[in-house]
Amino acid sequence: MKPEIMMFLKYNNKIFRYTQRYLDRALKKYELSSGAFSYLFFLEHQEGVSQNQISREVGNDKAMSARTITKLIESGHIYKTADEKDSRAYQLYLTQKSKDILPKIHQEFDLLVKRITKDLTDNERQVTMDSLKKIFEQTKLLRGEDL
């Protein structure tokens, strides 16, 4: 394998692991893990969605979403109500606890991004974001591929 491919994979993996570790520590005081914040961020803009819908939007499988949502309910971050149109489904909502801490969580993320991009110019930041977006769009296609 070419060295640049190995480095690309290594950097991608290490960035993910280091940011997850940082977020787990930063979010612990809010009784959250790095795997849960995306559910809160999604509900912040679109409450009342079903578990299946949020699972698709967040990009986790149904089993992972069910575990995460159960933990968020148990910790008092979200609650669910029965869907009037579909008795098998539930609609998810943020609790006041989550609404109160979301600005603080956004600050934690802002701090993280500032820390890891502090050596980049504005142009480098923009090029990096554009490149990551393109890579992300391609990786989404991998989800449906059988290997």
Protein backbone atom coordinates (compact mmCIF):
# COMPACT_ATOMS: atom_id res chain seq x y z
CA MET A 1 0.00 0.00 0.00
CA LYS A 2 1.23 3.48 -0.83
CA PRO A 3 2.50 5.50 2.15
CA GLU A 4 0.12 8.42 1.43
CA ILE A 5 -2.87 6.07 1.58
CA MET A 6 -1.67 4.67 4.90
CA MET A 7 -1.17 8.18 6.25
CA PHE A 8 -4.61 9.29 5.05
CA LEU A 9 -6.25 6.36 6.85
CA LYS A 10 -4.08 6.82 9.94
CA TYR A 11 -4.83 10.55 10.23
CA ASN A 12 -8.54 10.01 9.69
CA ASN A 13 -8.64 7.29 12.34
CA LYS A 14 -6.57 9.25 14.86
CA ILE A 15 -8.56 12.46 14.40
CA PHE A 16 -11.76 10.52 15.05
CA ARG A 17 -10.38 8.73 18.12
CA TYR A 18 -8.80 11.81 19.69
CA THR A 19 -11.88 13.97 19.19
CA GLN A 20 -14.14 11.21 20.55
CA ARG A 21 -11.96 10.92 23.65
CA TYR A 22 -11.93 14.68 24.13
CA LEU A 23 -15.70 14.92 23.70
CA ASP A 24 -16.35 12.03 26.08
CA ARG A 25 -14.41 13.90 28.77
CA ALA A 26 -15.97 17.28 27.97
CA LEU A 27 -19.54 15.93 27.84
CA LYS A 28 -19.32 13.71 30.92
CA LYS A 29 -20.40 16.58 33.20
CA TYR A 30 -23.66 16.73 31.21
CA GLU A 31 -24.21 12.96 31.51
CA LEU A 32 -23.56 12.57 27.79
CA SER A 33 -21.16 10.63 25.62
CA SER A 34 -19.66 11.54 22.29
CA GLY A 35 -22.16 9.22 20.63
CA ALA A 36 -25.23 10.99 22.02
CA PHE A 37 -24.79 14.66 21.19
CA SER A 38 -25.85 14.28 17.55
CA TYR A 39 -29.31 13.16 18.70
CA LEU A 40 -29.68 16.27 20.84
CA PHE A 41 -28.40 18.52 18.05
CA PHE A 42 -30.89 17.00 15.62
CA LEU A 43 -33.82 17.32 18.07
CA GLU A 44 -32.78 20.89 18.79
CA HIS A 45 -33.91 21.76 15.26
CA GLN A 46 -36.59 19.15 14.66
CA GLU A 47 -38.44 17.87 17.69
CA GLY A 48 -41.25 15.35 17.40
CA VAL A 49 -39.49 12.98 15.00
CA SER A 50 -39.70 9.21 15.24
CA GLN A 51 -36.88 7.00 16.44
CA ASN A 52 -36.50 5.58 12.92
CA GLN A 53 -36.30 9.03 11.39
CA ILE A 54 -33.65 10.29 13.80
CA SER A 55 -31.71 7.06 13.30
CA ARG A 56 -31.59 7.68 9.54
CA GLU A 57 -30.67 11.35 9.96
CA VAL A 58 -27.93 10.74 12.52
CA GLY A 59 -26.57 7.84 10.48
CA ASN A 60 -26.68 5.07 13.08
CA ASP A 61 -28.38 1.72 12.74
CA LYS A 62 -31.68 1.17 14.55
CA ALA A 63 -30.16 -0.92 17.35
CA MET A 64 -27.50 1.68 18.16
CA SER A 65 -30.10 4.44 18.05
CA ALA A 66 -32.42 2.49 20.34
CA ARG A 67 -29.63 2.07 22.93
CA THR A 68 -28.61 5.72 22.72
CA ILE A 69 -32.18 6.99 22.92
CA THR A 70 -32.88 4.75 25.92
CA LYS A 71 -29.83 6.20 27.69
CA LEU A 72 -30.91 9.74 26.82
CA ILE A 73 -34.38 9.06 28.23
CA GLU A 74 -32.96 7.46 31.39
CA SER A 75 -30.63 10.42 31.95
CA GLY A 76 -33.48 12.90 31.51
CA HIS A 77 -32.28 14.47 28.26
CA ILE A 78 -35.17 13.50 26.03
CA TYR A 79 -38.66 12.08 26.38
CA LYS A 80 -40.98 10.29 24.05
CA THR A 81 -44.70 10.40 23.44
CA ALA A 82 -46.89 8.01 21.48
CA ASP A 83 -47.39 8.96 17.85
CA GLU A 84 -51.08 9.62 17.25
CA LYS A 85 -50.82 8.44 13.63
CA ASP A 86 -48.82 5.25 14.31
CA SER A 87 -49.36 3.48 17.63
CA ARG A 88 -46.09 1.54 17.17
CA ALA A 89 -44.00 4.70 16.91
CA TYR A 90 -42.94 7.40 19.35
CA GLN A 91 -42.12 11.04 18.87
CA LEU A 92 -38.97 12.34 20.55
CA TYR A 93 -38.55 15.68 22.32
CA LEU A 94 -35.87 17.49 24.30
CA THR A 95 -36.40 17.98 28.01
CA GLN A 96 -35.80 21.33 29.65
CA LYS A 97 -32.57 19.85 31.03
CA SER A 98 -31.24 19.44 27.48
CA LYS A 99 -32.52 22.82 26.36
CA ASP A 100 -30.62 24.40 29.25
CA ILE A 101 -27.30 22.67 28.53
CA LEU A 102 -27.29 22.79 24.73
CA PRO A 103 -25.68 26.27 24.60
CA LYS A 104 -22.89 24.95 26.85
CA ILE A 105 -22.42 21.91 24.63
CA HIS A 106 -22.19 24.16 21.58
CA GLN A 107 -19.46 26.10 23.39
CA GLU A 108 -17.57 22.84 24.01
CA PHE A 109 -17.71 22.07 20.29
CA ASP A 110 -16.66 25.58 19.33
CA LEU A 111 -13.68 25.28 21.66
CA LEU A 112 -12.73 21.91 20.20
CA VAL A 113 -12.85 23.16 16.62
CA LYS A 114 -10.88 26.29 17.51
CA ARG A 115 -8.23 24.19 19.25
CA ILE A 116 -7.73 21.73 16.43
CA THR A 117 -7.79 24.34 13.66
CA LYS A 118 -5.83 27.10 15.39
CA ASP A 119 -2.82 26.68 13.08
CA LEU A 120 -4.93 26.96 9.91
CA THR A 121 -5.55 30.13 7.98
CA ASP A 122 -9.13 31.04 7.09
CA ASN A 123 -8.48 29.79 3.57
CA GLU A 124 -7.02 26.50 4.83
CA ARG A 125 -10.04 26.05 7.10
CA GLN A 126 -12.39 26.55 4.16
CA VAL A 127 -10.44 24.20 1.88
CA THR A 128 -10.39 21.59 4.63
CA MET A 129 -14.15 21.87 5.16
CA ASP A 130 -14.83 21.67 1.44
CA SER A 131 -12.57 18.62 1.11
CA LEU A 132 -14.08 16.88 4.13
CA LYS A 133 -17.56 17.46 2.76
CA LYS A 134 -16.61 15.86 -0.56
CA ILE A 135 -15.01 12.90 1.21
CA PHE A 136 -18.06 12.53 3.44
CA GLU A 137 -20.39 12.45 0.42
CA GLN A 138 -18.33 9.63 -1.06
CA THR A 139 -18.20 7.67 2.19
CA LYS A 140 -22.00 7.78 2.42
CA LEU A 141 -22.04 5.71 -0.75
CA LEU A 142 -20.02 2.98 1.02
CA ARG A 143 -22.87 2.29 3.44
CA GLY A 144 -24.88 0.43 0.83
CA GLU A 145 -22.03 -1.57 -0.65
CA ASP A 146 -21.64 -5.26 0.03
CA LEU A 147 -18.03 -6.30 0.40
